[in-house]
Amino acid sequence: MYAVIKTGGKQYTVKTGDIVEIEKLDLEVGAKVTFDEVLAIGEEGGKLNVGTPVVAGASVEATVLDQFRAKKIVVFKMKRRKSYRRTQGHRQNLTRVEIGEIKG
């Protein structure tokens, strides 16, 4: 069984036991979190239950494993022959969670 959840403005396809890196959640390591915005629930090779926009009564439980920062990305802007160069870096705060039970 798998589910499509929405968190942090993004959608993730998850199965029980998956480890997913999502936008930062303000929770301690080891805390339980419940995702209520379940957009779809399906079975491998079976039927797919799609919500309008969410599946009623469905939820996904997960455990917080780690709070960390992603690799640094470099944003470089340049305009040729104009002596214009700007460099900026960014590191996103992320939360690593392990998917537990899918209810629905």
PDB file of N, CA and C in Angstrom:
ATOM      1  N   MET A   1       0.839  -1.176   0.000  1.00  0.00           N
ATOM      2  CA  MET A   1       0.000   0.000   0.000  1.00  0.00           C
ATOM      3  C   MET A   1       0.886   1.243   0.000  1.00  0.00           C
ATOM      4  N   TYR A   2       0.487   2.235  -0.773  1.00  0.00           N
ATOM      5  CA  TYR A   2       1.228   3.481  -0.824  1.00  0.00           C
ATOM      6  C   TYR A   2       0.251   4.648  -0.735  1.00  0.00           C
ATOM      7  N   ALA A   3       0.788   5.820  -0.439  1.00  0.00           N
ATOM      8  CA  ALA A   3      -0.041   7.014  -0.319  1.00  0.00           C
ATOM      9  C   ALA A   3       0.709   8.195  -0.905  1.00  0.00           C
ATOM     10  N   VAL A   4      -0.046   9.176  -1.366  1.00  0.00           N
ATOM     11  CA  VAL A   4       0.512  10.440  -1.828  1.00  0.00           C
ATOM     12  C   VAL A   4       0.123  11.481  -0.793  1.00  0.00           C
ATOM     13  N   ILE A   5       1.136  12.055  -0.121  1.00  0.00           N
ATOM     14  CA  ILE A   5       0.871  13.045   0.921  1.00  0.00           C
ATOM     15  C   ILE A   5       1.385  14.405   0.472  1.00  0.00           C
ATOM     16  N   LYS A   6       0.849  15.451   1.097  1.00  0.00           N
ATOM     17  CA  LYS A   6       1.270  16.810   0.786  1.00  0.00           C
ATOM     18  C   LYS A   6       1.772  17.449   2.075  1.00  0.00           C
ATOM     19  N   THR A   7       3.024  17.949   2.042  1.00  0.00           N
ATOM     20  CA  THR A   7       3.583  18.667   3.170  1.00  0.00           C
ATOM     21  C   THR A   7       4.645  19.624   2.660  1.00  0.00           C
ATOM     22  N   GLY A   8       4.695  20.795   3.240  1.00  0.00           N
ATOM     23  CA  GLY A   8       5.686  21.780   2.830  1.00  0.00           C
ATOM     24  C   GLY A   8       5.527  22.261   1.412  1.00  0.00           C
ATOM     25  N   GLY A   9       4.306  22.206   0.885  1.00  0.00           N
ATOM     26  CA  GLY A   9       4.061  22.664  -0.477  1.00  0.00           C
ATOM     27  C   GLY A   9       4.492  21.681  -1.546  1.00  0.00           C
ATOM     28  N   LYS A  10       4.876  20.484  -1.149  1.00  0.00           N
ATOM     29  CA  LYS A  10       5.315  19.464  -2.099  1.00  0.00           C
ATOM     30  C   LYS A  10       4.518  18.185  -1.882  1.00  0.00           C
ATOM     31  N   GLN A  11       4.518  17.310  -2.872  1.00  0.00           N
ATOM     32  CA  GLN A  11       3.814  16.042  -2.771  1.00  0.00           C
ATOM     33  C   GLN A  11       4.826  14.910  -2.802  1.00  0.00           C
ATOM     34  N   TYR A  12       4.596  13.895  -1.972  1.00  0.00           N
ATOM     35  CA  TYR A  12       5.505  12.763  -1.855  1.00  0.00           C
ATOM     36  C   TYR A  12       4.711  11.462  -1.942  1.00  0.00           C
ATOM     37  N   THR A  13       5.232  10.501  -2.689  1.00  0.00           N
ATOM     38  CA  THR A  13       4.666   9.164  -2.713  1.00  0.00           C
ATOM     39  C   THR A  13       5.432   8.329  -1.703  1.00  0.00           C
ATOM     40  N   VAL A  14       4.711   7.774  -0.714  1.00  0.00           N
ATOM     41  CA  VAL A  14       5.365   7.070   0.391  1.00  0.00           C
ATOM     42  C   VAL A  14       4.752   5.693   0.587  1.00  0.00           C
ATOM     43  N   LYS A  15       5.580   4.773   1.093  1.00  0.00           N
ATOM     44  CA  LYS A  15       5.148   3.441   1.498  1.00  0.00           C
ATOM     45  C   LYS A  15       5.601   3.221   2.934  1.00  0.00           C
ATOM     46  N   THR A  16       5.047   2.234   3.591  1.00  0.00           N
ATOM     47  CA  THR A  16       5.446   1.916   4.954  1.00  0.00           C
ATOM     48  C   THR A  16       6.919   1.528   4.979  1.00  0.00           C
ATOM     49  N   GLY A  17       7.678   2.144   5.887  1.00  0.00           N
ATOM     50  CA  GLY A  17       9.104   1.862   6.008  1.00  0.00           C
ATOM     51  C   GLY A  17       9.997   2.793   5.219  1.00  0.00           C
ATOM     52  N   ASP A  18       9.428   3.626   4.359  1.00  0.00           N
ATOM     53  CA  ASP A  18      10.233   4.578   3.582  1.00  0.00           C
ATOM     54  C   ASP A  18      10.839   5.648   4.490  1.00  0.00           C
ATOM     55  N   ILE A  19      12.015   6.127   4.108  1.00  0.00           N
ATOM     56  CA  ILE A  19      12.648   7.250   4.780  1.00  0.00           C
ATOM     57  C   ILE A  19      12.636   8.409   3.792  1.00  0.00           C
ATOM     58  N   VAL A  20      11.966   9.514   4.187  1.00  0.00           N
ATOM     59  CA  VAL A  20      11.723  10.628   3.288  1.00  0.00           C
ATOM     60  C   VAL A  20      12.314  11.902   3.889  1.00  0.00           C
ATOM     61  N   GLU A  21      12.912  12.730   3.036  1.00  0.00           N
ATOM     62  CA  GLU A  21      13.435  14.026   3.455  1.00  0.00           C
ATOM     63  C   GLU A  21      12.446  15.094   3.011  1.00  0.00           C
ATOM     64  N   ILE A  22      11.842  15.784   3.994  1.00  0.00           N
ATOM     65  CA  ILE A  22      10.795  16.760   3.712  1.00  0.00           C
ATOM     66  C   ILE A  22      11.201  18.125   4.258  1.00  0.00           C
ATOM     67  N   GLU A  23      10.416  19.143   3.939  1.00  0.00           N
ATOM     68  CA  GLU A  23      10.645  20.482   4.478  1.00  0.00           C
ATOM     69  C   GLU A  23      10.636  20.428   5.995  1.00  0.00           C
ATOM     70  N   LYS A  24      11.365  21.343   6.619  1.00  0.00           N
ATOM     71  CA  LYS A  24      11.569  21.312   8.065  1.00  0.00           C
ATOM     72  C   LYS A  24      10.262  21.355   8.847  1.00  0.00           C
ATOM     73  N   LEU A  25      10.157  20.428   9.820  1.00  0.00           N
ATOM     74  CA  LEU A  25       9.071  20.420  10.781  1.00  0.00           C
ATOM     75  C   LEU A  25       9.670  20.745  12.144  1.00  0.00           C
ATOM     76  N   ASP A  26       9.012  21.594  12.920  1.00  0.00           N
ATOM     77  CA  ASP A  26       9.525  21.982  14.234  1.00  0.00           C
ATOM     78  C   ASP A  26       9.177  20.914  15.268  1.00  0.00           C
ATOM     79  N   LEU A  27       9.854  19.779  15.195  1.00  0.00           N
ATOM     80  CA  LEU A  27       9.635  18.664  16.113  1.00  0.00           C
ATOM     81  C   LEU A  27      10.977  18.118  16.570  1.00  0.00           C
ATOM     82  N   GLU A  28      10.986  17.495  17.733  1.00  0.00           N
ATOM     83  CA  GLU A  28      12.188  16.867  18.263  1.00  0.00           C
ATOM     84  C   GLU A  28      12.424  15.520  17.582  1.00  0.00           C
ATOM     85  N   VAL A  29      13.666  15.068  17.616  1.00  0.00           N
ATOM     86  CA  VAL A  29      14.006  13.751  17.074  1.00  0.00           C
ATOM     87  C   VAL A  29      13.298  12.697  17.911  1.00  0.00           C
ATOM     88  N   GLY A  30      12.647  11.752  17.256  1.00  0.00           N
ATOM     89  CA  GLY A  30      11.901  10.705  17.934  1.00  0.00           C
ATOM     90  C   GLY A  30      10.422  11.006  18.081  1.00  0.00           C
ATOM     91  N   ALA A  31      10.003  12.225  17.743  1.00  0.00           N
ATOM     92  CA  ALA A  31       8.592  12.605  17.865  1.00  0.00           C
ATOM     93  C   ALA A  31       7.772  11.957  16.754  1.00  0.00           C
ATOM     94  N   LYS A  32       6.506  11.744  17.046  1.00  0.00           N
ATOM     95  CA  LYS A  32       5.577  11.200  16.061  1.00  0.00           C
ATOM     96  C   LYS A  32       4.877  12.355  15.367  1.00  0.00           C
ATOM     97  N   VAL A  33       4.633  12.203  14.072  1.00  0.00           N
ATOM     98  CA  VAL A  33       3.930  13.220  13.296  1.00  0.00           C
ATOM     99  C   VAL A  33       2.877  12.519  12.441  1.00  0.00           C
ATOM    100  N   THR A  34       1.731  13.182  12.280  1.00  0.00           N
ATOM    101  CA  THR A  34       0.644  12.635  11.469  1.00  0.00           C
ATOM    102  C   THR A  34       0.377  13.573  10.304  1.00  0.00           C
ATOM    103  N   PHE A  35       0.400  13.039   9.111  1.00  0.00           N
ATOM    104  CA  PHE A  35       0.085  13.808   7.904  1.00  0.00           C
ATOM    105  C   PHE A  35      -1.375  13.540   7.549  1.00  0.00           C
ATOM    106  N   ASP A  36      -2.200  14.592   7.620  1.00  0.00           N
ATOM    107  CA  ASP A  36      -3.628  14.439   7.341  1.00  0.00           C
ATOM    108  C   ASP A  36      -3.984  14.768   5.901  1.00  0.00           C
ATOM    109  N   GLU A  37      -3.109  15.471   5.197  1.00  0.00           N
ATOM    110  CA  GLU A  37      -3.377  15.805   3.797  1.00  0.00           C
ATOM    111  C   GLU A  37      -2.929  14.655   2.904  1.00  0.00           C
ATOM    112  N   VAL A  38      -3.756  13.621   2.814  1.00  0.00           N
ATOM    113  CA  VAL A  38      -3.485  12.458   1.970  1.00  0.00           C
ATOM    114  C   VAL A  38      -4.277  12.642   0.684  1.00  0.00           C
ATOM    115  N   LEU A  39      -3.569  12.786  -0.420  1.00  0.00           N
ATOM    116  CA  LEU A  39      -4.215  13.070  -1.698  1.00  0.00           C
ATOM    117  C   LEU A  39      -4.699  11.812  -2.406  1.00  0.00           C
ATOM    118  N   ALA A  40      -4.019  10.685  -2.159  1.00  0.00           N
ATOM    119  CA  ALA A  40      -4.416   9.432  -2.807  1.00  0.00           C
ATOM    120  C   ALA A  40      -3.862   8.261  -2.012  1.00  0.00           C
ATOM    121  N   ILE A  41      -4.586   7.145  -2.062  1.00  0.00           N
ATOM    122  CA  ILE A  41      -4.122   5.894  -1.453  1.00  0.00           C
ATOM    123  C   ILE A  41      -4.325   4.801  -2.492  1.00  0.00           C
ATOM    124  N   GLY A  42      -3.299   3.989  -2.690  1.00  0.00           N
ATOM    125  CA  GLY A  42      -3.396   2.925  -3.682  1.00  0.00           C
ATOM    126  C   GLY A  42      -2.729   1.659  -3.222  1.00  0.00           C
ATOM    127  N   GLU A  43      -3.003   0.588  -3.937  1.00  0.00           N
ATOM    128  CA  GLU A  43      -2.384  -0.703  -3.690  1.00  0.00           C
ATOM    129  C   GLU A  43      -1.526  -1.048  -4.898  1.00  0.00           C
ATOM    130  N   GLU A  44      -0.450  -1.795  -4.653  1.00  0.00           N
ATOM    131  CA  GLU A  44       0.451  -2.179  -5.735  1.00  0.00           C
ATOM    132  C   GLU A  44      -0.320  -3.006  -6.765  1.00  0.00           C
ATOM    133  N   GLY A  45      -0.432  -2.492  -7.974  1.00  0.00           N
ATOM    134  CA  GLY A  45      -1.118  -3.195  -9.049  1.00  0.00           C
ATOM    135  C   GLY A  45      -2.618  -3.278  -8.855  1.00  0.00           C
ATOM    136  N   GLY A  46      -3.161  -2.513  -7.904  1.00  0.00           N
ATOM    137  CA  GLY A  46      -4.591  -2.561  -7.626  1.00  0.00           C
ATOM    138  C   GLY A  46      -5.255  -1.232  -7.881  1.00  0.00           C
ATOM    139  N   LYS A  47      -6.318  -1.000  -7.131  1.00  0.00           N
ATOM    140  CA  LYS A  47      -7.084   0.226  -7.333  1.00  0.00           C
ATOM    141  C   LYS A  47      -6.428   1.415  -6.648  1.00  0.00           C
ATOM    142  N   LEU A  48      -6.785   2.600  -7.121  1.00  0.00           N
ATOM    143  CA  LEU A  48      -6.263   3.851  -6.586  1.00  0.00           C
ATOM    144  C   LEU A  48      -7.436   4.688  -6.117  1.00  0.00           C
ATOM    145  N   ASN A  49      -7.402   5.098  -4.852  1.00  0.00           N
ATOM    146  CA  ASN A  49      -8.443   5.933  -4.274  1.00  0.00           C
ATOM    147  C   ASN A  49      -7.941   7.375  -4.250  1.00  0.00           C
ATOM    148  N   VAL A  50      -8.463   8.209  -5.135  1.00  0.00           N
ATOM    149  CA  VAL A  50      -8.029   9.596  -5.258  1.00  0.00           C
ATOM    150  C   VAL A  50      -9.033  10.487  -4.542  1.00  0.00           C
ATOM    151  N   GLY A  51      -8.527  11.411  -3.724  1.00  0.00           N
ATOM    152  CA  GLY A  51      -9.387  12.312  -2.976  1.00  0.00           C
ATOM    153  C   GLY A  51      -9.798  13.523  -3.784  1.00  0.00           C
ATOM    154  N   THR A  52     -10.766  14.278  -3.237  1.00  0.00           N
ATOM    155  CA  THR A  52     -11.228  15.498  -3.889  1.00  0.00           C
ATOM    156  C   THR A  52     -11.258  16.640  -2.896  1.00  0.00           C
ATOM    157  N   PRO A  53     -10.236  17.317  -2.524  1.00  0.00           N
ATOM    158  CA  PRO A  53      -8.835  17.105  -2.888  1.00  0.00           C
ATOM    159  C   PRO A  53      -8.107  16.116  -1.985  1.00  0.00           C
ATOM    160  N   VAL A  54      -8.673  15.785  -0.795  1.00  0.00           N
ATOM    161  CA  VAL A  54      -8.009  14.822   0.088  1.00  0.00           C
ATOM    162  C   VAL A  54      -8.929  13.633   0.316  1.00  0.00           C
ATOM    163  N   VAL A  55      -8.328  12.503   0.688  1.00  0.00           N
ATOM    164  CA  VAL A  55      -9.091  11.297   0.989  1.00  0.00           C
ATOM    165  C   VAL A  55      -9.653  11.443   2.401  1.00  0.00           C
ATOM    166  N   ALA A  56     -10.960  11.316   2.546  1.00  0.00           N
ATOM    167  CA  ALA A  56     -11.622  11.516   3.837  1.00  0.00           C
ATOM    168  C   ALA A  56     -11.209  10.424   4.824  1.00  0.00           C
ATOM    169  N   GLY A  57     -10.790  10.846   6.009  1.00  0.00           N
ATOM    170  CA  GLY A  57     -10.448   9.910   7.074  1.00  0.00           C
ATOM    171  C   GLY A  57      -9.098   9.248   6.937  1.00  0.00           C
ATOM    172  N   ALA A  58      -8.307   9.615   5.950  1.00  0.00           N
ATOM    173  CA  ALA A  58      -7.006   8.983   5.731  1.00  0.00           C
ATOM    174  C   ALA A  58      -5.912   9.787   6.417  1.00  0.00           C
ATOM    175  N   SER A  59      -4.889   9.079   6.892  1.00  0.00           N
ATOM    176  CA  SER A  59      -3.741   9.740   7.504  1.00  0.00           C
ATOM    177  C   SER A  59      -2.526   8.845   7.383  1.00  0.00           C
ATOM    178  N   VAL A  60      -1.361   9.456   7.506  1.00  0.00           N
ATOM    179  CA  VAL A  60      -0.093   8.728   7.458  1.00  0.00           C
ATOM    180  C   VAL A  60       0.699   9.132   8.696  1.00  0.00           C
ATOM    181  N   GLU A  61       1.151   8.128   9.456  1.00  0.00           N
ATOM    182  CA  GLU A  61       1.935   8.391  10.656  1.00  0.00           C
ATOM    183  C   GLU A  61       3.408   8.186  10.341  1.00  0.00           C
ATOM    184  N   ALA A  62       4.261   9.024  10.959  1.00  0.00           N
ATOM    185  CA  ALA A  62       5.698   8.940  10.721  1.00  0.00           C
ATOM    186  C   ALA A  62       6.438   9.310  12.007  1.00  0.00           C
ATOM    187  N   THR A  63       7.726   8.948  12.044  1.00  0.00           N
ATOM    188  CA  THR A  63       8.593   9.257  13.169  1.00  0.00           C
ATOM    189  C   THR A  63       9.750  10.102  12.670  1.00  0.00           C
ATOM    190  N   VAL A  64      10.080  11.166  13.412  1.00  0.00           N
ATOM    191  CA  VAL A  64      11.174  12.054  13.036  1.00  0.00           C
ATOM    192  C   VAL A  64      12.501  11.374  13.382  1.00  0.00           C
ATOM    193  N   LEU A  65      13.364  11.220  12.384  1.00  0.00           N
ATOM    194  CA  LEU A  65      14.670  10.587  12.584  1.00  0.00           C
ATOM    195  C   LEU A  65      15.782  11.599  12.772  1.00  0.00           C
ATOM    196  N   ASP A  66      15.698  12.740  12.066  1.00  0.00           N
ATOM    197  CA  ASP A  66      16.833  13.663  12.054  1.00  0.00           C
ATOM    198  C   ASP A  66      16.383  15.036  11.581  1.00  0.00           C
ATOM    199  N   GLN A  67      17.032  16.075  12.089  1.00  0.00           N
ATOM    200  CA  GLN A  67      16.898  17.443  11.593  1.00  0.00           C
ATOM    201  C   GLN A  67      18.254  17.817  11.009  1.00  0.00           C
ATOM    202  N   PHE A  68      18.303  18.223   9.743  1.00  0.00           N
ATOM    203  CA  PHE A  68      19.592  18.504   9.117  1.00  0.00           C
ATOM    204  C   PHE A  68      19.430  19.565   8.037  1.00  0.00           C
ATOM    205  N   ARG A  69      20.557  19.945   7.446  1.00  0.00           N
ATOM    206  CA  ARG A  69      20.551  20.906   6.347  1.00  0.00           C
ATOM    207  C   ARG A  69      21.061  20.220   5.088  1.00  0.00           C
ATOM    208  N   ALA A  70      20.454  20.561   3.973  1.00  0.00           N
ATOM    209  CA  ALA A  70      20.819  19.955   2.693  1.00  0.00           C
ATOM    210  C   ALA A  70      22.168  20.491   2.212  1.00  0.00           C
ATOM    211  N   LYS A  71      22.668  19.907   1.127  1.00  0.00           N
ATOM    212  CA  LYS A  71      23.902  20.404   0.526  1.00  0.00           C
ATOM    213  C   LYS A  71      23.712  21.837   0.045  1.00  0.00           C
ATOM    214  N   LYS A  72      24.783  22.583   0.049  1.00  0.00           N
ATOM    215  CA  LYS A  72      24.725  23.976  -0.375  1.00  0.00           C
ATOM    216  C   LYS A  72      24.597  24.058  -1.894  1.00  0.00           C
ATOM    217  N   ILE A  73      23.708  24.937  -2.337  1.00  0.00           N
ATOM    218  CA  ILE A  73      23.619  25.222  -3.767  1.00  0.00           C
ATOM    219  C   ILE A  73      24.141  26.629  -3.998  1.00  0.00           C
ATOM    220  N   VAL A  74      24.736  26.839  -5.146  1.00  0.00           N
ATOM    221  CA  VAL A  74      25.305  28.140  -5.488  1.00  0.00           C
ATOM    222  C   VAL A  74      24.444  28.777  -6.567  1.00  0.00           C
ATOM    223  N   VAL A  75      24.008  30.014  -6.305  1.00  0.00           N
ATOM    224  CA  VAL A  75      23.240  30.777  -7.271  1.00  0.00           C
ATOM    225  C   VAL A  75      24.179  31.834  -7.830  1.00  0.00           C
ATOM    226  N   PHE A  76      24.448  31.769  -9.133  1.00  0.00           N
ATOM    227  CA  PHE A  76      25.398  32.687  -9.766  1.00  0.00           C
ATOM    228  C   PHE A  76      24.698  33.427 -10.895  1.00  0.00           C
ATOM    229  N   LYS A  77      24.733  34.746 -10.825  1.00  0.00           N
ATOM    230  CA  LYS A  77      24.141  35.584 -11.870  1.00  0.00           C
ATOM    231  C   LYS A  77      25.253  36.366 -12.549  1.00  0.00           C
ATOM    232  N   MET A  78      25.144  36.488 -13.868  1.00  0.00           N
ATOM    233  CA  MET A  78      26.168  37.217 -14.606  1.00  0.00           C
ATOM    234  C   MET A  78      25.562  37.817 -15.869  1.00  0.00           C
ATOM    235  N   LYS A  79      25.980  39.036 -16.173  1.00  0.00           N
ATOM    236  CA  LYS A  79      25.625  39.656 -17.447  1.00  0.00           C
ATOM    237  C   LYS A  79      26.922  39.951 -18.173  1.00  0.00           C
ATOM    238  N   ARG A  80      27.058  39.361 -19.343  1.00  0.00           N
ATOM    239  CA  ARG A  80      28.328  39.484 -20.052  1.00  0.00           C
ATOM    240  C   ARG A  80      28.590  40.918 -20.491  1.00  0.00           C
ATOM    241  N   ARG A  81      29.842  41.269 -20.481  1.00  0.00           N
ATOM    242  CA  ARG A  81      30.350  42.575 -20.900  1.00  0.00           C
ATOM    243  C   ARG A  81      29.840  43.735 -20.050  1.00  0.00           C
ATOM    244  N   LYS A  82      29.187  43.485 -18.950  1.00  0.00           N
ATOM    245  CA  LYS A  82      28.655  44.556 -18.108  1.00  0.00           C
ATOM    246  C   LYS A  82      29.305  44.581 -16.723  1.00  0.00           C
ATOM    247  N   SER A  83      30.244  43.697 -16.479  1.00  0.00           N
ATOM    248  CA  SER A  83      30.936  43.624 -15.202  1.00  0.00           C
ATOM    249  C   SER A  83      29.961  43.406 -14.049  1.00  0.00           C
ATOM    250  N   TYR A  84      28.943  42.581 -14.295  1.00  0.00           N
ATOM    251  CA  TYR A  84      27.937  42.276 -13.278  1.00  0.00           C
ATOM    252  C   TYR A  84      28.027  40.802 -12.910  1.00  0.00           C
ATOM    253  N   ARG A  85      28.387  40.525 -11.676  1.00  0.00           N
ATOM    254  CA  ARG A  85      28.457  39.142 -11.181  1.00  0.00           C
ATOM    255  C   ARG A  85      27.974  39.119  -9.743  1.00  0.00           C
ATOM    256  N   ARG A  86      27.076  38.201  -9.430  1.00  0.00           N
ATOM    257  CA  ARG A  86      26.568  38.038  -8.071  1.00  0.00           C
ATOM    258  C   ARG A  86      26.569  36.546  -7.730  1.00  0.00           C
ATOM    259  N   THR A  87      27.106  36.222  -6.586  1.00  0.00           N
ATOM    260  CA  THR A  87      27.123  34.847  -6.120  1.00  0.00           C
ATOM    261  C   THR A  87      26.393  34.779  -4.788  1.00  0.00           C
ATOM    262  N   GLN A  88      25.521  33.804  -4.677  1.00  0.00           N
ATOM    263  CA  GLN A  88      24.775  33.621  -3.448  1.00  0.00           C
ATOM    264  C   GLN A  88      24.628  32.132  -3.194  1.00  0.00           C
ATOM    265  N   GLY A  89      24.694  31.720  -1.937  1.00  0.00           N
ATOM    266  CA  GLY A  89      24.535  30.317  -1.580  1.00  0.00           C
ATOM    267  C   GLY A  89      23.270  30.105  -0.768  1.00  0.00           C
ATOM    268  N   HIS A  90      22.794  28.851  -0.730  1.00  0.00           N
ATOM    269  CA  HIS A  90      21.592  28.527   0.036  1.00  0.00           C
ATOM    270  C   HIS A  90      21.677  27.088   0.523  1.00  0.00           C
ATOM    271  N   ARG A  91      21.305  26.880   1.791  1.00  0.00           N
ATOM    272  CA  ARG A  91      21.174  25.537   2.359  1.00  0.00           C
ATOM    273  C   ARG A  91      19.796  25.428   2.973  1.00  0.00           C
ATOM    274  N   GLN A  92      19.016  24.461   2.515  1.00  0.00           N
ATOM    275  CA  GLN A  92      17.642  24.286   2.984  1.00  0.00           C
ATOM    276  C   GLN A  92      17.624  23.445   4.254  1.00  0.00           C
ATOM    277  N   ASN A  93      16.798  23.833   5.222  1.00  0.00           N
ATOM    278  CA  ASN A  93      16.581  23.033   6.423  1.00  0.00           C
ATOM    279  C   ASN A  93      15.593  21.916   6.097  1.00  0.00           C
ATOM    280  N   LEU A  94      15.951  20.679   6.447  1.00  0.00           N
ATOM    281  CA  LEU A  94      15.126  19.521   6.127  1.00  0.00           C
ATOM    282  C   LEU A  94      14.912  18.657   7.367  1.00  0.00           C
ATOM    283  N   THR A  95      13.891  17.811   7.295  1.00  0.00           N
ATOM    284  CA  THR A  95      13.595  16.837   8.334  1.00  0.00           C
ATOM    285  C   THR A  95      13.529  15.466   7.680  1.00  0.00           C
ATOM    286  N   ARG A  96      14.219  14.496   8.265  1.00  0.00           N
ATOM    287  CA  ARG A  96      14.187  13.117   7.768  1.00  0.00           C
ATOM    288  C   ARG A  96      13.175  12.339   8.617  1.00  0.00           C
ATOM    289  N   VAL A  97      12.172  11.760   7.964  1.00  0.00           N
ATOM    290  CA  VAL A  97      11.141  11.000   8.686  1.00  0.00           C
ATOM    291  C   VAL A  97      11.055   9.592   8.128  1.00  0.00           C
ATOM    292  N   GLU A  98      10.656   8.671   9.000  1.00  0.00           N
ATOM    293  CA  GLU A  98      10.392   7.282   8.586  1.00  0.00           C
ATOM    294  C   GLU A  98       8.895   7.058   8.627  1.00  0.00           C
ATOM    295  N   ILE A  99       8.340   6.602   7.516  1.00  0.00           N
ATOM    296  CA  ILE A  99       6.899   6.399   7.402  1.00  0.00           C
ATOM    297  C   ILE A  99       6.522   5.136   8.164  1.00  0.00           C
ATOM    298  N   GLY A 100       5.520   5.289   9.013  1.00  0.00           N
ATOM    299  CA  GLY A 100       5.032   4.164   9.811  1.00  0.00           C
ATOM    300  C   GLY A 100       3.797   3.533   9.210  1.00  0.00           C
ATOM    301  N   GLU A 101       2.642   3.927   9.720  1.00  0.00           N
ATOM    302  CA  GLU A 101       1.394   3.308   9.321  1.00  0.00           C
ATOM    303  C   GLU A 101       0.610   4.214   8.377  1.00  0.00           C
ATOM    304  N   ILE A 102      -0.004   3.596   7.358  1.00  0.00           N
ATOM    305  CA  ILE A 102      -0.889   4.318   6.444  1.00  0.00           C
ATOM    306  C   ILE A 102      -2.311   3.891   6.767  1.00  0.00           C
ATOM    307  N   LYS A 103      -3.124   4.842   7.218  1.00  0.00           N
ATOM    308  CA  LYS A 103      -4.520   4.547   7.569  1.00  0.00           C
ATOM    309  C   LYS A 103      -5.429   5.118   6.496  1.00  0.00           C
ATOM    310  N   GLY A 104      -6.395   4.372   6.109  1.00  0.00           N
ATOM    311  CA  GLY A 104      -7.312   4.947   5.139  1.00  0.00           C
ATOM    312  C   GLY A 104      -8.053   3.902   4.429  1.00  0.00           C
TER     313      GLY A 104
END
